[in-house]
PDB file of N, CA and C in Angstrom:
ATOM      1  N   MET A   1     -30.719 -29.426 -17.688  1.00  0.00           N
ATOM      2  CA  MET A   1     -30.436 -29.680 -16.489  1.00  0.00           C
ATOM      3  C   MET A   1     -29.932 -27.897 -16.503  1.00  0.00           C
ATOM      4  N   THR A   2     -30.980 -27.133 -15.683  1.00  0.00           N
ATOM      5  CA  THR A   2     -30.876 -25.834 -15.139  1.00  0.00           C
ATOM      6  C   THR A   2     -29.892 -26.056 -14.065  1.00  0.00           C
ATOM      7  N   LYS A   3     -29.367 -25.070 -14.161  1.00  0.00           N
ATOM      8  CA  LYS A   3     -28.330 -24.900 -12.490  1.00  0.00           C
ATOM      9  C   LYS A   3     -28.862 -25.008 -11.337  1.00  0.00           C
ATOM     10  N   GLU A   4     -30.286 -24.573 -11.094  1.00  0.00           N
ATOM     11  CA  GLU A   4     -30.986 -24.854 -10.082  1.00  0.00           C
ATOM     12  C   GLU A   4     -31.142 -26.190  -9.778  1.00  0.00           C
ATOM     13  N   GLU A   5     -31.332 -26.744 -11.133  1.00  0.00           N
ATOM     14  CA  GLU A   5     -31.815 -28.343 -11.058  1.00  0.00           C
ATOM     15  C   GLU A   5     -29.965 -29.412 -10.556  1.00  0.00           C
ATOM     16  N   TYR A   6     -29.288 -29.294 -10.921  1.00  0.00           N
ATOM     17  CA  TYR A   6     -27.526 -28.952 -10.691  1.00  0.00           C
ATOM     18  C   TYR A   6     -28.468 -28.919  -9.349  1.00  0.00           C
ATOM     19  N   GLU A   7     -28.115 -27.659  -8.828  1.00  0.00           N
ATOM     20  CA  GLU A   7     -27.578 -27.418  -7.175  1.00  0.00           C
ATOM     21  C   GLU A   7     -28.271 -28.638  -6.281  1.00  0.00           C
ATOM     22  N   LYS A   8     -29.830 -28.577  -6.773  1.00  0.00           N
ATOM     23  CA  LYS A   8     -30.719 -29.706  -6.077  1.00  0.00           C
ATOM     24  C   LYS A   8     -30.122 -30.497  -5.881  1.00  0.00           C
ATOM     25  N   ALA A   9     -29.715 -31.574  -7.449  1.00  0.00           N
ATOM     26  CA  ALA A   9     -29.380 -33.111  -7.126  1.00  0.00           C
ATOM     27  C   ALA A   9     -27.999 -33.271  -6.428  1.00  0.00           C
ATOM     28  N   ARG A  10     -27.289 -32.237  -6.335  1.00  0.00           N
ATOM     29  CA  ARG A  10     -25.930 -31.998  -5.654  1.00  0.00           C
ATOM     30  C   ARG A  10     -26.107 -32.383  -4.348  1.00  0.00           C
ATOM     31  N   ALA A  11     -26.647 -31.127  -3.243  1.00  0.00           N
ATOM     32  CA  ALA A  11     -26.978 -31.213  -2.285  1.00  0.00           C
ATOM     33  C   ALA A  11     -28.342 -32.084  -2.243  1.00  0.00           C
ATOM     34  N   ASP A  12     -28.809 -33.398  -2.495  1.00  0.00           N
ATOM     35  CA  ASP A  12     -29.550 -34.384  -2.713  1.00  0.00           C
ATOM     36  C   ASP A  12     -28.852 -35.561  -2.359  1.00  0.00           C
ATOM     37  N   LEU A  13     -27.382 -36.006  -3.104  1.00  0.00           N
ATOM     38  CA  LEU A  13     -26.656 -36.303  -3.477  1.00  0.00           C
ATOM     39  C   LEU A  13     -25.852 -36.390  -1.944  1.00  0.00           C
ATOM     40  N   ALA A  14     -25.329 -34.791  -1.424  1.00  0.00           N
ATOM     41  CA  ALA A  14     -24.287 -34.721  -0.077  1.00  0.00           C
ATOM     42  C   ALA A  14     -25.236 -35.514   1.118  1.00  0.00           C
ATOM     43  N   ARG A  15     -26.301 -34.785   0.892  1.00  0.00           N
ATOM     44  CA  ARG A  15     -27.278 -35.424   2.590  1.00  0.00           C
ATOM     45  C   ARG A  15     -26.770 -37.066   1.774  1.00  0.00           C
ATOM     46  N   LYS A  16     -27.751 -37.675   1.026  1.00  0.00           N
ATOM     47  CA  LYS A  16     -27.856 -39.460   0.936  1.00  0.00           C
ATOM     48  C   LYS A  16     -25.668 -39.490   1.327  1.00  0.00           C
ATOM     49  N   GLN A  17     -25.421 -39.041   0.974  1.00  0.00           N
ATOM     50  CA  GLN A  17     -24.003 -39.983   1.237  1.00  0.00           C
ATOM     51  C   GLN A  17     -23.631 -39.420   3.010  1.00  0.00           C
ATOM     52  N   LEU A  18     -23.921 -37.824   3.270  1.00  0.00           N
ATOM     53  CA  LEU A  18     -23.971 -38.321   4.934  1.00  0.00           C
ATOM     54  C   LEU A  18     -24.368 -39.024   5.842  1.00  0.00           C
ATOM     55  N   ASN A  19     -25.580 -39.141   5.711  1.00  0.00           N
ATOM     56  CA  ASN A  19     -26.804 -40.149   6.232  1.00  0.00           C
ATOM     57  C   ASN A  19     -26.340 -41.585   6.012  1.00  0.00           C
ATOM     58  N   GLU A  20     -25.681 -42.085   4.984  1.00  0.00           N
ATOM     59  CA  GLU A  20     -24.718 -43.587   4.789  1.00  0.00           C
ATOM     60  C   GLU A  20     -23.569 -43.073   5.593  1.00  0.00           C
ATOM     61  N   GLN A  21     -23.048 -42.378   5.758  1.00  0.00           N
ATOM     62  CA  GLN A  21     -21.852 -42.468   6.837  1.00  0.00           C
ATOM     63  C   GLN A  21     -21.812 -42.378   7.917  1.00  0.00           C
ATOM     64  N   VAL A  22     -23.195 -41.480   8.628  1.00  0.00           N
ATOM     65  CA  VAL A  22     -23.528 -41.898  10.094  1.00  0.00           C
ATOM     66  C   VAL A  22     -24.267 -42.941  10.617  1.00  0.00           C
ATOM     67  N   ALA A  23     -25.028 -43.880   9.164  1.00  0.00           N
ATOM     68  CA  ALA A  23     -24.992 -45.174   9.645  1.00  0.00           C
ATOM     69  C   ALA A  23     -24.084 -46.452   9.938  1.00  0.00           C
ATOM     70  N   LEU A  24     -23.443 -45.905   8.684  1.00  0.00           N
ATOM     71  CA  LEU A  24     -22.039 -46.498   8.945  1.00  0.00           C
ATOM     72  C   LEU A  24     -21.130 -46.524  10.508  1.00  0.00           C
ATOM     73  N   ALA A  25     -21.111 -44.946  11.073  1.00  0.00           N
ATOM     74  CA  ALA A  25     -20.767 -45.023  12.194  1.00  0.00           C
ATOM     75  C   ALA A  25     -21.032 -45.569  13.094  1.00  0.00           C
ATOM     76  N   ARG A  26     -22.407 -45.596  13.134  1.00  0.00           N
ATOM     77  CA  ARG A  26     -23.615 -45.742  14.504  1.00  0.00           C
ATOM     78  C   ARG A  26     -23.508 -47.200  14.335  1.00  0.00           C
ATOM     79  N   SER A  27     -23.180 -48.587  13.072  1.00  0.00           N
ATOM     80  CA  SER A  27     -23.189 -49.467  12.883  1.00  0.00           C
ATOM     81  C   SER A  27     -21.898 -49.750  13.483  1.00  0.00           C
ATOM     82  N   TYR A  28     -21.089 -49.848  13.561  1.00  0.00           N
ATOM     83  CA  TYR A  28     -19.452 -49.823  13.819  1.00  0.00           C
ATOM     84  C   TYR A  28     -19.580 -49.325  15.524  1.00  0.00           C
ATOM     85  N   ALA A  29     -20.098 -48.128  15.686  1.00  0.00           N
ATOM     86  CA  ALA A  29     -20.325 -48.457  17.397  1.00  0.00           C
ATOM     87  C   ALA A  29     -20.727 -49.402  17.954  1.00  0.00           C
ATOM     88  N   GLU A  30     -21.801 -49.834  17.556  1.00  0.00           N
ATOM     89  CA  GLU A  30     -23.200 -50.245  18.234  1.00  0.00           C
ATOM     90  C   GLU A  30     -22.048 -52.207  18.120  1.00  0.00           C
ATOM     91  N   SER A  31     -21.864 -52.229  17.191  1.00  0.00           N
ATOM     92  CA  SER A  31     -21.388 -53.663  17.027  1.00  0.00           C
ATOM     93  C   SER A  31     -19.660 -53.877  17.973  1.00  0.00           C
ATOM     94  N   ASN A  32     -19.237 -52.477  18.682  1.00  0.00           N
ATOM     95  CA  ASN A  32     -18.032 -53.248  19.659  1.00  0.00           C
ATOM     96  C   ASN A  32     -18.540 -52.186  20.769  1.00  0.00           C
ATOM     97  N   ASN A  33     -20.155 -52.492  20.991  1.00  0.00           N
ATOM     98  CA  ASN A  33     -20.426 -51.919  22.388  1.00  0.00           C
ATOM     99  C   ASN A  33     -20.792 -53.101  23.273  1.00  0.00           C
ATOM    100  N   VAL A  34     -19.282 -53.614  24.059  1.00  0.00           N
ATOM    101  CA  VAL A  34     -19.525 -54.682  25.434  1.00  0.00           C
ATOM    102  C   VAL A  34     -20.797 -54.347  26.739  1.00  0.00           C
ATOM    103  N   VAL A  35     -20.541 -53.323  26.565  1.00  0.00           N
ATOM    104  CA  VAL A  35     -21.733 -52.667  28.097  1.00  0.00           C
ATOM    105  C   VAL A  35     -23.223 -52.734  27.851  1.00  0.00           C
ATOM    106  N   LYS A  36     -24.000 -53.040  28.325  1.00  0.00           N
ATOM    107  CA  LYS A  36     -25.372 -53.170  28.328  1.00  0.00           C
ATOM    108  C   LYS A  36     -26.322 -52.530  29.667  1.00  0.00           C
ATOM    109  N   ILE A  37     -27.303 -52.306  29.155  1.00  0.00           N
ATOM    110  CA  ILE A  37     -27.750 -51.738  30.217  1.00  0.00           C
ATOM    111  C   ILE A  37     -28.217 -52.501  31.642  1.00  0.00           C
ATOM    112  N   GLY A  38     -27.354 -51.730  33.050  1.00  0.00           N
ATOM    113  CA  GLY A  38     -27.805 -52.395  33.980  1.00  0.00           C
ATOM    114  C   GLY A  38     -26.225 -52.182  34.513  1.00  0.00           C
ATOM    115  N   ASP A  39     -25.917 -52.129  33.885  1.00  0.00           N
ATOM    116  CA  ASP A  39     -24.031 -52.300  33.610  1.00  0.00           C
ATOM    117  C   ASP A  39     -23.389 -51.355  34.468  1.00  0.00           C
ATOM    118  N   THR A  40     -22.098 -51.223  35.450  1.00  0.00           N
ATOM    119  CA  THR A  40     -21.755 -50.450  36.012  1.00  0.00           C
ATOM    120  C   THR A  40     -20.369 -50.261  35.303  1.00  0.00           C
ATOM    121  N   ILE A  41     -19.866 -49.213  34.860  1.00  0.00           N
ATOM    122  CA  ILE A  41     -18.820 -48.831  35.047  1.00  0.00           C
ATOM    123  C   ILE A  41     -18.234 -47.728  35.656  1.00  0.00           C
ATOM    124  N   SER A  42     -17.082 -47.054  34.541  1.00  0.00           N
ATOM    125  CA  SER A  42     -16.601 -45.914  35.391  1.00  0.00           C
ATOM    126  C   SER A  42     -16.032 -45.779  34.225  1.00  0.00           C
ATOM    127  N   ASP A  43     -15.096 -43.878  34.672  1.00  0.00           N
ATOM    128  CA  ASP A  43     -14.261 -43.602  34.360  1.00  0.00           C
ATOM    129  C   ASP A  43     -13.217 -43.087  35.041  1.00  0.00           C
ATOM    130  N   HIS A  44     -12.329 -41.786  34.620  1.00  0.00           N
ATOM    131  CA  HIS A  44     -11.388 -40.996  35.280  1.00  0.00           C
ATOM    132  C   HIS A  44     -12.242 -40.263  35.977  1.00  0.00           C
ATOM    133  N   ILE A  45     -13.785 -39.735  36.172  1.00  0.00           N
ATOM    134  CA  ILE A  45     -14.184 -38.862  37.033  1.00  0.00           C
ATOM    135  C   ILE A  45     -15.107 -39.565  38.102  1.00  0.00           C
ATOM    136  N   GLY A  46     -15.802 -40.541  37.591  1.00  0.00           N
ATOM    137  CA  GLY A  46     -16.319 -42.085  38.166  1.00  0.00           C
ATOM    138  C   GLY A  46     -17.463 -42.975  38.081  1.00  0.00           C
ATOM    139  N   GLY A  47     -17.695 -43.339  38.749  1.00  0.00           N
ATOM    140  CA  GLY A  47     -19.010 -44.423  37.798  1.00  0.00           C
ATOM    141  C   GLY A  47     -20.101 -44.389  38.009  1.00  0.00           C
ATOM    142  N   MET A  48     -20.471 -45.375  37.414  1.00  0.00           N
ATOM    143  CA  MET A  48     -22.326 -45.046  37.545  1.00  0.00           C
ATOM    144  C   MET A  48     -23.102 -46.189  36.585  1.00  0.00           C
ATOM    145  N   ILE A  49     -23.959 -46.499  36.708  1.00  0.00           N
ATOM    146  CA  ILE A  49     -24.804 -47.569  36.526  1.00  0.00           C
ATOM    147  C   ILE A  49     -25.953 -47.141  34.873  1.00  0.00           C
ATOM    148  N   VAL A  50     -25.724 -48.346  33.724  1.00  0.00           N
ATOM    149  CA  VAL A  50     -26.035 -47.309  32.596  1.00  0.00           C
ATOM    150  C   VAL A  50     -27.629 -47.553  32.913  1.00  0.00           C
ATOM    151  N   ASP A  51     -28.086 -46.725  32.485  1.00  0.00           N
ATOM    152  CA  ASP A  51     -29.837 -46.320  31.952  1.00  0.00           C
ATOM    153  C   ASP A  51     -29.685 -46.761  30.699  1.00  0.00           C
ATOM    154  N   ARG A  52     -28.896 -46.089  29.470  1.00  0.00           N
ATOM    155  CA  ARG A  52     -28.931 -45.608  28.710  1.00  0.00           C
ATOM    156  C   ARG A  52     -28.060 -45.366  27.381  1.00  0.00           C
ATOM    157  N   ILE A  53     -28.382 -46.085  26.281  1.00  0.00           N
ATOM    158  CA  ILE A  53     -26.895 -46.065  25.354  1.00  0.00           C
ATOM    159  C   ILE A  53     -27.202 -45.888  24.273  1.00  0.00           C
ATOM    160  N   GLU A  54     -26.237 -44.605  23.884  1.00  0.00           N
ATOM    161  CA  GLU A  54     -26.538 -43.714  22.278  1.00  0.00           C
ATOM    162  C   GLU A  54     -25.129 -44.183  21.644  1.00  0.00           C
ATOM    163  N   SER A  55     -25.533 -43.980  20.142  1.00  0.00           N
ATOM    164  CA  SER A  55     -23.864 -43.920  19.572  1.00  0.00           C
ATOM    165  C   SER A  55     -24.571 -42.285  18.802  1.00  0.00           C
ATOM    166  N   PRO A  56     -23.804 -41.515  18.705  1.00  0.00           N
ATOM    167  CA  PRO A  56     -24.016 -40.346  18.855  1.00  0.00           C
ATOM    168  C   PRO A  56     -23.956 -40.057  16.913  1.00  0.00           C
ATOM    169  N   ARG A  57     -23.605 -38.963  16.420  1.00  0.00           N
ATOM    170  CA  ARG A  57     -23.085 -38.797  14.875  1.00  0.00           C
ATOM    171  C   ARG A  57     -21.902 -38.564  14.643  1.00  0.00           C
ATOM    172  N   PHE A  58     -20.960 -39.113  15.648  1.00  0.00           N
ATOM    173  CA  PHE A  58     -18.846 -39.100  15.628  1.00  0.00           C
ATOM    174  C   PHE A  58     -18.842 -40.665  14.597  1.00  0.00           C
ATOM    175  N   ILE A  59     -18.359 -39.805  13.383  1.00  0.00           N
ATOM    176  CA  ILE A  59     -18.165 -40.769  11.852  1.00  0.00           C
ATOM    177  C   ILE A  59     -16.726 -40.166  12.073  1.00  0.00           C
ATOM    178  N   ASN A  60     -16.091 -39.874  13.172  1.00  0.00           N
ATOM    179  CA  ASN A  60     -14.429 -39.940  12.475  1.00  0.00           C
ATOM    180  C   ASN A  60     -13.724 -40.863  13.592  1.00  0.00           C
ATOM    181  N   GLU A  61     -14.647 -40.987  14.960  1.00  0.00           N
ATOM    182  CA  GLU A  61     -13.890 -41.573  15.708  1.00  0.00           C
ATOM    183  C   GLU A  61     -15.735 -42.499  16.465  1.00  0.00           C
ATOM    184  N   PRO A  62     -16.417 -43.480  15.589  1.00  0.00           N
ATOM    185  CA  PRO A  62     -17.379 -44.143  16.282  1.00  0.00           C
ATOM    186  C   PRO A  62     -17.947 -44.388  17.665  1.00  0.00           C
ATOM    187  N   GLN A  63     -17.866 -44.053  18.660  1.00  0.00           N
ATOM    188  CA  GLN A  63     -18.260 -44.354  19.342  1.00  0.00           C
ATOM    189  C   GLN A  63     -19.365 -44.457  20.646  1.00  0.00           C
ATOM    190  N   CYS A  64     -19.676 -45.662  21.503  1.00  0.00           N
ATOM    191  CA  CYS A  64     -21.156 -45.664  22.222  1.00  0.00           C
ATOM    192  C   CYS A  64     -20.972 -44.395  23.639  1.00  0.00           C
ATOM    193  N   MET A  65     -21.710 -43.538  23.927  1.00  0.00           N
ATOM    194  CA  MET A  65     -21.865 -43.004  25.343  1.00  0.00           C
ATOM    195  C   MET A  65     -22.949 -43.296  26.210  1.00  0.00           C
ATOM    196  N   TYR A  66     -23.137 -43.431  27.180  1.00  0.00           N
ATOM    197  CA  TYR A  66     -23.453 -44.469  28.389  1.00  0.00           C
ATOM    198  C   TYR A  66     -23.932 -43.448  29.047  1.00  0.00           C
ATOM    199  N   TYR A  67     -25.152 -42.507  29.464  1.00  0.00           N
ATOM    200  CA  TYR A  67     -25.927 -42.197  29.952  1.00  0.00           C
ATOM    201  C   TYR A  67     -26.177 -43.205  31.296  1.00  0.00           C
ATOM    202  N   GLY A  68     -26.293 -42.381  32.705  1.00  0.00           N
ATOM    203  CA  GLY A  68     -26.745 -42.647  33.838  1.00  0.00           C
ATOM    204  C   GLY A  68     -26.703 -42.528  35.582  1.00  0.00           C
ATOM    205  N   ILE A  69     -27.040 -43.335  36.383  1.00  0.00           N
ATOM    206  CA  ILE A  69     -27.010 -42.632  37.371  1.00  0.00           C
ATOM    207  C   ILE A  69     -25.496 -42.560  38.624  1.00  0.00           C
ATOM    208  N   GLU A  70     -25.485 -41.490  38.741  1.00  0.00           N
ATOM    209  CA  GLU A  70     -23.448 -41.767  39.477  1.00  0.00           C
ATOM    210  C   GLU A  70     -23.589 -42.382  40.586  1.00  0.00           C
ATOM    211  N   LEU A  71     -22.490 -43.099  40.704  1.00  0.00           N
ATOM    212  CA  LEU A  71     -22.384 -43.713  42.220  1.00  0.00           C
ATOM    213  C   LEU A  71     -21.322 -42.968  43.221  1.00  0.00           C
ATOM    214  N   THR A  72     -21.358 -43.822  44.172  1.00  0.00           N
ATOM    215  CA  THR A  72     -20.541 -43.120  45.481  1.00  0.00           C
ATOM    216  C   THR A  72     -19.112 -43.546  45.430  1.00  0.00           C
ATOM    217  N   LYS A  73     -18.611 -43.639  45.783  1.00  0.00           N
ATOM    218  CA  LYS A  73     -17.006 -44.401  45.471  1.00  0.00           C
ATOM    219  C   LYS A  73     -17.328 -45.781  46.574  1.00  0.00           C
ATOM    220  N   GLN A  74     -18.185 -46.115  46.867  1.00  0.00           N
ATOM    221  CA  GLN A  74     -18.874 -46.781  47.492  1.00  0.00           C
ATOM    222  C   GLN A  74     -19.791 -47.924  46.350  1.00  0.00           C
ATOM    223  N   GLY A  75     -19.967 -47.575  45.333  1.00  0.00           N
ATOM    224  CA  GLY A  75     -20.973 -48.144  44.607  1.00  0.00           C
ATOM    225  C   GLY A  75     -22.272 -47.885  44.744  1.00  0.00           C
ATOM    226  N   GLU A  76     -22.640 -47.086  45.193  1.00  0.00           N
ATOM    227  CA  GLU A  76     -24.129 -46.647  45.529  1.00  0.00           C
ATOM    228  C   GLU A  76     -24.825 -45.780  45.222  1.00  0.00           C
ATOM    229  N   PRO A  77     -25.824 -45.360  44.576  1.00  0.00           N
ATOM    230  CA  PRO A  77     -26.175 -44.669  43.789  1.00  0.00           C
ATOM    231  C   PRO A  77     -26.143 -43.412  44.875  1.00  0.00           C
ATOM    232  N   MET A  78     -25.410 -41.791  44.179  1.00  0.00           N
ATOM    233  CA  MET A  78     -25.918 -40.910  45.245  1.00  0.00           C
ATOM    234  C   MET A  78     -27.203 -40.468  45.505  1.00  0.00           C
ATOM    235  N   LYS A  79     -27.105 -40.128  46.407  1.00  0.00           N
ATOM    236  CA  LYS A  79     -28.484 -38.733  47.594  1.00  0.00           C
ATOM    237  C   LYS A  79     -29.209 -38.458  46.588  1.00  0.00           C
ATOM    238  N   ARG A  80     -28.685 -37.959  45.728  1.00  0.00           N
ATOM    239  CA  ARG A  80     -29.097 -36.651  44.846  1.00  0.00           C
ATOM    240  C   ARG A  80     -29.711 -37.121  43.554  1.00  0.00           C
ATOM    241  N   GLN A  81     -29.125 -38.186  43.169  1.00  0.00           N
ATOM    242  CA  GLN A  81     -29.666 -39.431  42.182  1.00  0.00           C
ATOM    243  C   GLN A  81     -28.957 -38.408  40.326  1.00  0.00           C
ATOM    244  N   SER A  82     -27.804 -37.980  40.792  1.00  0.00           N
ATOM    245  CA  SER A  82     -27.918 -36.871  39.910  1.00  0.00           C
ATOM    246  C   SER A  82     -27.352 -37.782  38.445  1.00  0.00           C
ATOM    247  N   GLY A  83     -27.198 -37.574  37.276  1.00  0.00           N
ATOM    248  CA  GLY A  83     -27.069 -38.202  36.165  1.00  0.00           C
ATOM    249  C   GLY A  83     -26.125 -37.920  35.314  1.00  0.00           C
ATOM    250  N   ARG A  84     -25.082 -38.728  34.647  1.00  0.00           N
ATOM    251  CA  ARG A  84     -23.674 -38.292  33.831  1.00  0.00           C
ATOM    252  C   ARG A  84     -23.801 -39.487  32.920  1.00  0.00           C
ATOM    253  N   ALA A  85     -22.828 -39.035  32.071  1.00  0.00           N
ATOM    254  CA  ALA A  85     -22.700 -39.521  30.636  1.00  0.00           C
ATOM    255  C   ALA A  85     -20.751 -40.313  30.880  1.00  0.00           C
ATOM    256  N   ILE A  86     -20.904 -41.499  29.465  1.00  0.00           N
ATOM    257  CA  ILE A  86     -19.150 -41.425  29.411  1.00  0.00           C
ATOM    258  C   ILE A  86     -19.192 -41.743  28.721  1.00  0.00           C
ATOM    259  N   PHE A  87     -17.966 -41.882  27.535  1.00  0.00           N
ATOM    260  CA  PHE A  87     -17.950 -41.729  26.209  1.00  0.00           C
ATOM    261  C   PHE A  87     -17.390 -43.191  26.163  1.00  0.00           C
ATOM    262  N   GLN A  88     -17.412 -43.990  25.544  1.00  0.00           N
ATOM    263  CA  GLN A  88     -17.051 -45.563  25.268  1.00  0.00           C
ATOM    264  C   GLN A  88     -15.309 -45.253  25.707  1.00  0.00           C
ATOM    265  N   LYS A  89     -14.710 -44.779  25.062  1.00  0.00           N
ATOM    266  CA  LYS A  89     -13.138 -44.663  24.858  1.00  0.00           C
ATOM    267  C   LYS A  89     -12.648 -44.200  26.433  1.00  0.00           C
ATOM    268  N   ASN A  90     -13.967 -43.312  27.094  1.00  0.00           N
ATOM    269  CA  ASN A  90     -13.100 -43.624  28.772  1.00  0.00           C
ATOM    270  C   ASN A  90     -13.340 -44.403  29.432  1.00  0.00           C
ATOM    271  N   ILE A  91     -13.996 -45.452  29.348  1.00  0.00           N
ATOM    272  CA  ILE A  91     -14.050 -46.655  30.480  1.00  0.00           C
ATOM    273  C   ILE A  91     -13.349 -47.274  31.036  1.00  0.00           C
ATOM    274  N   THR A  92     -12.917 -47.067  31.666  1.00  0.00           N
ATOM    275  CA  THR A  92     -11.722 -47.493  32.980  1.00  0.00           C
ATOM    276  C   THR A  92     -12.160 -49.336  33.962  1.00  0.00           C
ATOM    277  N   ASN A  93     -13.381 -49.005  34.227  1.00  0.00           N
ATOM    278  CA  ASN A  93     -13.518 -49.703  34.902  1.00  0.00           C
ATOM    279  C   ASN A  93     -15.540 -50.983  34.127  1.00  0.00           C
ATOM    280  N   HIS A  94     -15.602 -51.463  34.252  1.00  0.00           N
ATOM    281  CA  HIS A  94     -16.750 -52.412  33.783  1.00  0.00           C
ATOM    282  C   HIS A  94     -17.306 -53.624  33.860  1.00  0.00           C
ATOM    283  N   LYS A  95     -18.689 -53.644  34.808  1.00  0.00           N
ATOM    284  CA  LYS A  95     -18.631 -54.667  36.020  1.00  0.00           C
ATOM    285  C   LYS A  95     -20.066 -54.933  35.223  1.00  0.00           C
ATOM    286  N   PRO A  96     -20.065 -56.053  34.706  1.00  0.00           N
ATOM    287  CA  PRO A  96     -21.830 -56.700  33.937  1.00  0.00           C
ATOM    288  C   PRO A  96     -22.297 -56.666  35.106  1.00  0.00           C
ATOM    289  N   ALA A  97     -23.591 -56.411  34.937  1.00  0.00           N
ATOM    290  CA  ALA A  97     -24.932 -57.022  35.870  1.00  0.00           C
ATOM    291  C   ALA A  97     -25.758 -58.390  35.757  1.00  0.00           C
ATOM    292  N   ILE A  98     -26.269 -57.767  37.008  1.00  0.00           N
ATOM    293  CA  ILE A  98     -25.768 -59.755  37.230  1.00  0.00           C
ATOM    294  C   ILE A  98     -27.498 -60.244  37.069  1.00  0.00           C
TER     295      ILE A  98
END
């Protein structure tokens, strides 16, 4: 085995290990997710209606990230229809969609 072959095998092994860690983190985050698309959630900034759920590559602290339309204090979509994101650990209020 040459040094180049060793370096390539080592890089392949590291890439495979990272992919397995990311898959494990995503699986953990998705298994602990109670929010569904259409639910209303809020954090310390404000509320939103969930349009999309992702589980980014957080290996140390696996969690979902929710994207959607920002709501006013009365619970109605804002006129400007601005989007925002909320991390799973920051959710303070969750109302399931009917």
